[in-house]
C-alpha atoms as a PDB file:
ATOM      1  CA  MET A   1      19.296  21.199 -25.437  1.00  0.00           C
ATOM      2  CA  HIS A   2      16.487  21.321 -27.977  1.00  0.00           C
ATOM      3  CA  GLY A   3      15.142  17.826 -27.470  1.00  0.00           C
ATOM      4  CA  GLU A   4      16.151  14.595 -25.841  1.00  0.00           C
ATOM      5  CA  HIS A   5      18.131  13.342 -28.818  1.00  0.00           C
ATOM      6  CA  GLU A   6      18.932  16.509 -30.704  1.00  0.00           C
ATOM      7  CA  LEU A   7      22.298  18.179 -31.122  1.00  0.00           C
ATOM      8  CA  ASP A   8      22.176  21.142 -33.507  1.00  0.00           C
ATOM      9  CA  CYS A   9      25.884  21.084 -34.183  1.00  0.00           C
ATOM     10  CA  ASP A  10      26.873  20.545 -37.813  1.00  0.00           C
ATOM     11  CA  PRO A  11      28.104  23.781 -39.428  1.00  0.00           C
ATOM     12  CA  GLY A  12      28.062  22.077 -42.798  1.00  0.00           C
ATOM     13  CA  SER A  13      24.295  22.386 -42.864  1.00  0.00           C
ATOM     14  CA  MET A  14      24.570  26.149 -42.572  1.00  0.00           C
ATOM     15  CA  ALA A  15      25.108  26.129 -46.313  1.00  0.00           C
ATOM     16  CA  GLY A  16      21.613  24.742 -46.721  1.00  0.00           C
ATOM     17  CA  GLY A  17      22.243  21.020 -47.147  1.00  0.00           C
ATOM     18  CA  SER A  18      20.063  18.255 -45.745  1.00  0.00           C
ATOM     19  CA  PRO A  19      20.621  17.650 -42.027  1.00  0.00           C
ATOM     20  CA  PRO A  20      22.435  14.346 -41.429  1.00  0.00           C
ATOM     21  CA  ALA A  21      21.560  12.107 -38.495  1.00  0.00           C
ATOM     22  CA  ALA A  22      24.012  10.014 -36.511  1.00  0.00           C
ATOM     23  CA  ASP A  23      23.266   7.463 -33.790  1.00  0.00           C
ATOM     24  CA  GLY A  24      19.992   9.075 -32.805  1.00  0.00           C
ATOM     25  CA  PHE A  25      21.406  12.609 -32.784  1.00  0.00           C
ATOM     26  CA  ASP A  26      20.347  15.340 -35.154  1.00  0.00           C
ATOM     27  CA  LEU A  27      23.639  17.033 -36.051  1.00  0.00           C
ATOM     28  CA  ARG A  28      21.932  19.877 -37.885  1.00  0.00           C
ATOM     29  CA  ILE A  29      22.915  23.426 -37.071  1.00  0.00           C
ATOM     30  CA  GLN A  30      20.267  25.985 -37.923  1.00  0.00           C
ATOM     31  CA  LYS A  31      20.709  29.639 -38.755  1.00  0.00           C
ATOM     32  CA  THR A  32      19.164  30.419 -35.388  1.00  0.00           C
ATOM     33  CA  PRO A  33      20.056  30.069 -32.602  1.00  0.00           C
ATOM     34  CA  ALA A  34      23.729  30.890 -33.030  1.00  0.00           C
ATOM     35  CA  PRO A  35      26.040  27.860 -33.289  1.00  0.00           C
ATOM     36  CA  SER A  36      28.018  28.996 -30.270  1.00  0.00           C
ATOM     37  CA  LEU A  37      24.832  28.797 -28.172  1.00  0.00           C
ATOM     38  CA  VAL A  38      23.662  25.387 -29.303  1.00  0.00           C
ATOM     39  CA  CYS A  39      27.142  23.931 -28.964  1.00  0.00           C
ATOM     40  CA  HIS A  40      27.306  25.379 -25.472  1.00  0.00           C
ATOM     41  CA  ASP A  41      24.345  23.098 -24.707  1.00  0.00           C
ATOM     42  CA  VAL A  42      26.437  20.139 -25.872  1.00  0.00           C
ATOM     43  CA  ALA A  43      29.394  21.202 -23.747  1.00  0.00           C
ATOM     44  CA  ARG A  44      27.223  21.789 -20.687  1.00  0.00           C
ATOM     45  CA  GLU A  45      25.493  18.406 -20.811  1.00  0.00           C
ATOM     46  CA  THR A  46      28.576  16.376 -21.749  1.00  0.00           C
ATOM     47  CA  SER A  47      30.947  17.944 -19.239  1.00  0.00           C
ATOM     48  CA  GLY A  48      29.234  16.024 -16.430  1.00  0.00           C
ATOM     49  CA  ASP A  49      31.549  13.094 -17.203  1.00  0.00           C
ATOM     50  CA  ARG A  50      34.737  13.814 -15.284  1.00  0.00           C
ATOM     51  CA  ARG A  51      36.879  11.998 -17.828  1.00  0.00           C
ATOM     52  CA  LEU A  52      35.459  13.968 -20.730  1.00  0.00           C
ATOM     53  CA  ALA A  53      34.932  17.324 -19.020  1.00  0.00           C
ATOM     54  CA  PRO A  54      38.429  18.770 -19.701  1.00  0.00           C
ATOM     55  CA  LEU A  55      38.252  17.628 -23.337  1.00  0.00           C
ATOM     56  CA  VAL A  56      34.771  19.109 -23.828  1.00  0.00           C
ATOM     57  CA  GLU A  57      35.689  22.411 -22.196  1.00  0.00           C
ATOM     58  CA  ALA A  58      38.882  22.721 -24.257  1.00  0.00           C
ATOM     59  CA  SER A  59      37.066  21.815 -27.489  1.00  0.00           C
ATOM     60  CA  PHE A  60      34.348  24.366 -26.821  1.00  0.00           C
ATOM     61  CA  ALA A  61      36.930  27.074 -26.058  1.00  0.00           C
ATOM     62  CA  ASP A  62      38.727  26.213 -29.305  1.00  0.00           C
ATOM     63  CA  PHE A  63      35.404  26.291 -31.165  1.00  0.00           C
ATOM     64  CA  LYS A  64      34.625  29.805 -29.931  1.00  0.00           C
ATOM     65  CA  GLU A  65      38.106  30.956 -30.925  1.00  0.00           C
ATOM     66  CA  ALA A  66      37.754  29.413 -34.388  1.00  0.00           C
ATOM     67  CA  MET A  67      34.387  31.132 -34.859  1.00  0.00           C
ATOM     68  CA  GLU A  68      35.909  34.472 -33.884  1.00  0.00           C
ATOM     69  CA  ASP A  69      38.784  33.896 -36.313  1.00  0.00           C
ATOM     70  CA  GLY A  70      36.420  32.920 -39.118  1.00  0.00           C
ATOM     71  CA  ASP A  71      38.144  29.535 -39.453  1.00  0.00           C
ATOM     72  CA  ALA A  72      35.345  27.465 -41.000  1.00  0.00           C
ATOM     73  CA  ALA A  73      37.351  24.244 -41.374  1.00  0.00           C
ATOM     74  CA  ARG A  74      38.461  24.249 -37.751  1.00  0.00           C
ATOM     75  CA  SER A  75      34.970  25.190 -36.553  1.00  0.00           C
ATOM     76  CA  THR A  76      33.490  22.267 -38.461  1.00  0.00           C
ATOM     77  CA  SER A  77      35.973  19.812 -36.982  1.00  0.00           C
ATOM     78  CA  LEU A  78      35.391  21.046 -33.443  1.00  0.00           C
ATOM     79  CA  VAL A  79      31.605  21.069 -33.725  1.00  0.00           C
ATOM     80  CA  LYS A  80      31.714  17.475 -34.916  1.00  0.00           C
ATOM     81  CA  ALA A  81      34.073  16.611 -32.065  1.00  0.00           C
ATOM     82  CA  LEU A  82      31.704  18.129 -29.496  1.00  0.00           C
ATOM     83  CA  ALA A  83      28.762  16.200 -30.905  1.00  0.00           C
ATOM     84  CA  GLU A  84      30.688  12.930 -30.935  1.00  0.00           C
ATOM     85  CA  LEU A  85      32.020  13.477 -27.424  1.00  0.00           C
ATOM     86  CA  ALA A  86      28.377  13.645 -26.364  1.00  0.00           C
ATOM     87  CA  LEU A  87      27.792  10.341 -28.158  1.00  0.00           C
ATOM     88  CA  ILE A  88      30.746   8.800 -26.312  1.00  0.00           C
ATOM     89  CA  GLU A  89      29.375  10.076 -23.001  1.00  0.00           C
ATOM     90  CA  ARG A  90      26.001   8.464 -23.773  1.00  0.00           C
ATOM     91  CA  GLY A  91      27.613   5.187 -24.769  1.00  0.00           C
ATOM     92  CA  LYS A  92      26.628   5.431 -28.428  1.00  0.00           C
ATOM     93  CA  ILE A  93      30.263   5.536 -29.577  1.00  0.00           C
ATOM     94  CA  ALA A  94      32.906   3.319 -27.976  1.00  0.00           C
ATOM     95  CA  ALA A  95      35.857   5.404 -26.816  1.00  0.00           C
ATOM     96  CA  ARG A  96      38.286   2.775 -28.130  1.00  0.00           C
ATOM     97  CA  SER A  97      36.608   2.399 -31.520  1.00  0.00           C
ATOM     98  CA  ARG A  98      38.192   3.962 -34.574  1.00  0.00           C
ATOM     99  CA  ARG A  99      35.619   6.741 -34.515  1.00  0.00           C
ATOM    100  CA  GLY A 100      36.054   7.262 -30.786  1.00  0.00           C
ATOM    101  CA  LEU A 101      39.833   7.444 -31.004  1.00  0.00           C
ATOM    102  CA  ARG A 102      39.572   9.959 -33.849  1.00  0.00           C
ATOM    103  CA  VAL A 103      37.364  12.351 -31.886  1.00  0.00           C
ATOM    104  CA  LEU A 104      39.468  11.959 -28.747  1.00  0.00           C
ATOM    105  CA  ARG A 105      42.514  12.946 -30.766  1.00  0.00           C
ATOM    106  CA  VAL A 106      40.798  16.144 -31.933  1.00  0.00           C
ATOM    107  CA  ALA A 107      39.711  16.933 -28.377  1.00  0.00           C
ATOM    108  CA  ARG A 108      43.162  16.226 -26.933  1.00  0.00           C
ATOM    109  CA  LEU A 109      44.680  18.618 -29.450  1.00  0.00           C
ATOM    110  CA  SER A 110      42.318  21.313 -28.152  1.00  0.00           C
ATOM    111  CA  LEU A 111      43.324  20.472 -24.596  1.00  0.00           C
ATOM    112  CA  ALA A 112      47.009  20.598 -25.557  1.00  0.00           C
ATOM    113  CA  ARG A 113      46.536  24.057 -27.065  1.00  0.00           C
ATOM    114  CA  ARG A 114      44.701  25.255 -23.968  1.00  0.00           C
ATOM    115  CA  SER A 115      47.451  23.834 -21.747  1.00  0.00           C
ATOM    116  CA  ILE A 116      50.064  25.708 -23.783  1.00  0.00           C
ATOM    117  CA  THR A 117      48.115  28.945 -23.375  1.00  0.00           C
ATOM    118  CA  ARG A 118      47.699  28.402 -19.633  1.00  0.00           C
ATOM    119  CA  HIS A 119      51.423  27.770 -19.064  1.00  0.00           C
ATOM    120  CA  LEU A 120      52.805  30.083 -21.747  1.00  0.00           C
ATOM    121  CA  SER A 121      54.640  32.307 -19.282  1.00  0.00           C
ATOM    122  CA  GLN A 122      56.725  29.391 -18.029  1.00  0.00           C
ATOM    123  CA  ALA A 123      60.080  29.083 -19.783  1.00  0.00           C
ATOM    124  CA  SER A 124      60.045  25.408 -18.730  1.00  0.00           C
ATOM    125  CA  LEU A 125      56.997  24.708 -20.941  1.00  0.00           C
ATOM    126  CA  SER A 126      57.890  21.568 -22.897  1.00  0.00           C
ATOM    127  CA  PRO A 127      56.357  18.647 -24.806  1.00  0.00           C
ATOM    128  CA  ALA A 128      56.913  16.404 -21.783  1.00  0.00           C
ATOM    129  CA  MET A 129      55.119  18.852 -19.496  1.00  0.00           C
ATOM    130  CA  VAL A 130      52.031  19.079 -21.724  1.00  0.00           C
ATOM    131  CA  ALA A 131      52.024  15.328 -22.372  1.00  0.00           C
ATOM    132  CA  ASP A 132      51.983  14.769 -18.616  1.00  0.00           C
ATOM    133  CA  LEU A 133      49.064  17.194 -18.233  1.00  0.00           C
ATOM    134  CA  LEU A 134      47.162  15.304 -20.943  1.00  0.00           C
ATOM    135  CA  GLY A 135      48.069  11.894 -19.555  1.00  0.00           C
ATOM    136  CA  VAL A 136      49.604  10.714 -22.839  1.00  0.00           C
ATOM    137  CA  SER A 137      53.080   9.866 -24.056  1.00  0.00           C
ATOM    138  CA  VAL A 138      55.350  12.553 -25.514  1.00  0.00           C
ATOM    139  CA  ARG A 139      55.223  10.727 -28.859  1.00  0.00           C
ATOM    140  CA  HIS A 140      51.428  10.760 -28.845  1.00  0.00           C
ATOM    141  CA  MET A 141      51.395  14.436 -27.908  1.00  0.00           C
ATOM    142  CA  HIS A 142      53.638  15.264 -30.897  1.00  0.00           C
ATOM    143  CA  MET A 143      51.332  13.224 -33.148  1.00  0.00           C
ATOM    144  CA  LEU A 144      48.398  15.437 -32.147  1.00  0.00           C
ATOM    145  CA  PHE A 145      50.069  18.382 -33.893  1.00  0.00           C
ATOM    146  CA  GLU A 146      51.078  16.533 -37.068  1.00  0.00           C
ATOM    147  CA  GLY A 147      47.944  17.490 -38.989  1.00  0.00           C
ATOM    148  CA  THR A 148      47.939  21.147 -37.946  1.00  0.00           C
ATOM    149  CA  GLY A 149      50.834  22.347 -40.087  1.00  0.00           C
ATOM    150  CA  LYS A 150      52.729  23.443 -36.968  1.00  0.00           C
ATOM    151  CA  SER A 151      54.794  21.397 -34.567  1.00  0.00           C
ATOM    152  CA  PHE A 152      54.471  21.722 -30.808  1.00  0.00           C
ATOM    153  CA  SER A 153      57.424  24.127 -30.610  1.00  0.00           C
ATOM    154  CA  GLN A 154      56.130  26.206 -33.527  1.00  0.00           C
ATOM    155  CA  THR A 155      52.716  26.438 -31.842  1.00  0.00           C
ATOM    156  CA  VAL A 156      54.298  27.605 -28.592  1.00  0.00           C
ATOM    157  CA  THR A 157      56.427  30.193 -30.401  1.00  0.00           C
ATOM    158  CA  ALA A 158      53.452  31.508 -32.377  1.00  0.00           C
ATOM    159  CA  GLN A 159      51.406  31.929 -29.203  1.00  0.00           C
ATOM    160  CA  ARG A 160      54.288  33.681 -27.427  1.00  0.00           C
ATOM    161  CA  ILE A 161      54.835  36.112 -30.278  1.00  0.00           C
ATOM    162  CA  ARG A 162      51.107  36.844 -30.519  1.00  0.00           C
ATOM    163  CA  LEU A 163      50.921  37.511 -26.781  1.00  0.00           C
ATOM    164  CA  SER A 164      54.076  39.624 -26.792  1.00  0.00           C
ATOM    165  CA  GLY A 165      52.654  41.791 -29.580  1.00  0.00           C
ATOM    166  CA  ARG A 166      49.495  42.270 -27.558  1.00  0.00           C
ATOM    167  CA  LEU A 167      51.457  43.236 -24.437  1.00  0.00           C
ATOM    168  CA  LEU A 168      53.657  45.641 -26.378  1.00  0.00           C
ATOM    169  CA  ARG A 169      50.517  47.412 -27.594  1.00  0.00           C
ATOM    170  CA  GLU A 170      48.349  47.231 -24.491  1.00  0.00           C
ATOM    171  CA  ALA A 171      51.009  47.792 -21.814  1.00  0.00           C
ATOM    172  CA  PRO A 172      53.167  50.551 -23.334  1.00  0.00           C
ATOM    173  CA  ALA A 173      54.812  51.399 -20.011  1.00  0.00           C
ATOM    174  CA  TRP A 174      55.910  47.822 -19.396  1.00  0.00           C
ATOM    175  CA  PRO A 175      59.671  47.248 -20.009  1.00  0.00           C
ATOM    176  CA  ILE A 176      60.425  44.957 -22.934  1.00  0.00           C
ATOM    177  CA  VAL A 177      62.379  42.625 -20.655  1.00  0.00           C
ATOM    178  CA  GLU A 178      59.183  42.138 -18.595  1.00  0.00           C
ATOM    179  CA  VAL A 179      57.176  41.430 -21.743  1.00  0.00           C
ATOM    180  CA  ALA A 180      59.721  38.784 -22.743  1.00  0.00           C
ATOM    181  CA  ARG A 181      59.576  37.194 -19.291  1.00  0.00           C
ATOM    182  CA  ALA A 182      55.764  37.220 -19.180  1.00  0.00           C
ATOM    183  CA  CYS A 183      55.652  35.402 -22.524  1.00  0.00           C
ATOM    184  CA  GLY A 184      58.013  32.653 -21.383  1.00  0.00           C
ATOM    185  CA  PHE A 185      61.156  33.566 -23.314  1.00  0.00           C
ATOM    186  CA  GLU A 186      64.194  32.263 -21.494  1.00  0.00           C
ATOM    187  CA  SER A 187      66.268  35.350 -22.310  1.00  0.00           C
ATOM    188  CA  LEU A 188      65.873  38.834 -23.741  1.00  0.00           C
ATOM    189  CA  ALA A 189      68.253  37.942 -26.584  1.00  0.00           C
ATOM    190  CA  THR A 190      66.059  34.992 -27.580  1.00  0.00           C
ATOM    191  CA  PHE A 191      62.963  37.186 -27.492  1.00  0.00           C
ATOM    192  CA  TYR A 192      64.571  39.819 -29.748  1.00  0.00           C
ATOM    193  CA  ARG A 193      65.784  37.185 -32.203  1.00  0.00           C
ATOM    194  CA  VAL A 194      62.479  35.323 -32.476  1.00  0.00           C
ATOM    195  CA  PHE A 195      60.344  38.479 -32.524  1.00  0.00           C
ATOM    196  CA  HIS A 196      62.464  40.062 -35.267  1.00  0.00           C
ATOM    197  CA  ALA A 197      62.363  36.877 -37.324  1.00  0.00           C
ATOM    198  CA  THR A 198      58.569  36.785 -37.066  1.00  0.00           C
ATOM    199  CA  GLU A 199      57.578  40.453 -37.261  1.00  0.00           C
ATOM    200  CA  GLY A 200      60.473  41.781 -39.338  1.00  0.00           C
ATOM    201  CA  MET A 201      61.472  44.363 -36.715  1.00  0.00           C
ATOM    202  CA  PRO A 202      62.635  44.458 -33.082  1.00  0.00           C
ATOM    203  CA  PRO A 203      60.046  44.774 -30.283  1.00  0.00           C
ATOM    204  CA  GLY A 204      60.863  48.417 -29.559  1.00  0.00           C
ATOM    205  CA  GLU A 205      60.293  49.435 -33.161  1.00  0.00           C
ATOM    206  CA  PHE A 206      57.067  47.426 -33.253  1.00  0.00           C
ATOM    207  CA  ARG A 207      55.789  49.277 -30.190  1.00  0.00           C
ATOM    208  CA  ALA A 208      56.865  52.681 -31.498  1.00  0.00           C
ATOM    209  CA  ARG A 209      55.286  52.121 -34.907  1.00  0.00           C
ATOM    210  CA  ASP A 210      52.023  51.058 -33.306  1.00  0.00           C
ATOM    211  CA  ALA A 211      51.994  54.166 -31.101  1.00  0.00           C
ATOM    212  CA  GLN A 212      52.772  56.484 -34.037  1.00  0.00           C
ATOM    213  CA  SER A 213      50.129  54.983 -36.294  1.00  0.00           C
ATOM    214  CA  GLY A 214      47.356  56.004 -33.913  1.00  0.00           C
ATOM    215  CA  ALA A 215      45.483  52.882 -34.975  1.00  0.00           C
ATOM    216  CA  HIS A 216      45.584  51.503 -31.468  1.00  0.00           C
ATOM    217  CA  GLN A 217      45.589  53.727 -28.399  1.00  0.00           C
ATOM    218  CA  PRO A 218      44.740  51.547 -25.400  1.00  0.00           C
ATOM    219  CA  PRO A 219      44.606  52.751 -21.822  1.00  0.00           C
ATOM    220  CA  VAL A 220      47.758  52.294 -19.800  1.00  0.00           C
ATOM    221  CA  ILE A 221      47.730  48.886 -18.158  1.00  0.00           C
ATOM    222  CA  ASP A 222      49.479  48.429 -14.831  1.00  0.00           C
ATOM    223  CA  HIS A 223      51.837  45.559 -14.017  1.00  0.00           C
ATOM    224  CA  GLN A 224      49.161  43.427 -12.369  1.00  0.00           C
ATOM    225  CA  ALA A 225      46.701  43.832 -15.242  1.00  0.00           C
ATOM    226  CA  ALA A 226      49.349  43.102 -17.839  1.00  0.00           C
ATOM    227  CA  THR A 227      50.347  39.961 -15.991  1.00  0.00           C
ATOM    228  CA  HIS A 228      46.707  38.884 -16.044  1.00  0.00           C
ATOM    229  CA  LEU A 229      46.771  38.911 -19.852  1.00  0.00           C
ATOM    230  CA  THR A 230      49.315  36.097 -19.812  1.00  0.00           C
ATOM    231  CA  ALA A 231      46.904  33.823 -17.979  1.00  0.00           C
ATOM    232  CA  LYS A 232      44.182  34.028 -20.626  1.00  0.00           C
END
């Protein structure tokens, strides 16, 4: 951290605005050091609370992903969530207050997304399963996704298609049926149908086109390494 009461974690100030203060915390984010580094300080200090640790870790992982994707709106929301989780941990925001509930909802959405990624290879992945992991009701879990533009099932499908595309490119020797299984599709027919609907072509054609383009020529990945990709 950069001071006893300082959290440099408001990406809005990167545009050059005046740094706002909240409950004794400076939420300014400066051009240097990098936002991912200063927010790592927040995550490190806040994650000492066992109740908040999974939420902080998931929010920070989502923040890094949003930064890599160039998603400014999502980055802003997650940086604010990390800062306010620190305020909750220090007792400056009541967890059951309106503000506290709002930030916990953002953090639980990050945890839900991380839980989906972690269990993506399981065909049994369901709203009830993730709700149980989060310790919330199925209805509440569905509500977390309402503001994202994608439902729970749409989020799962999008992640599975993204992972399957990666495996098709990076594990060219892996049979398509194994790719489908590693991504959690309950059957090869379902995988073909969903993949074609999303990518506009069957998996085999997708793989062949990628190989012919020469744009991506990864090393051959063995079965064990390819399976490891599904756990990320």
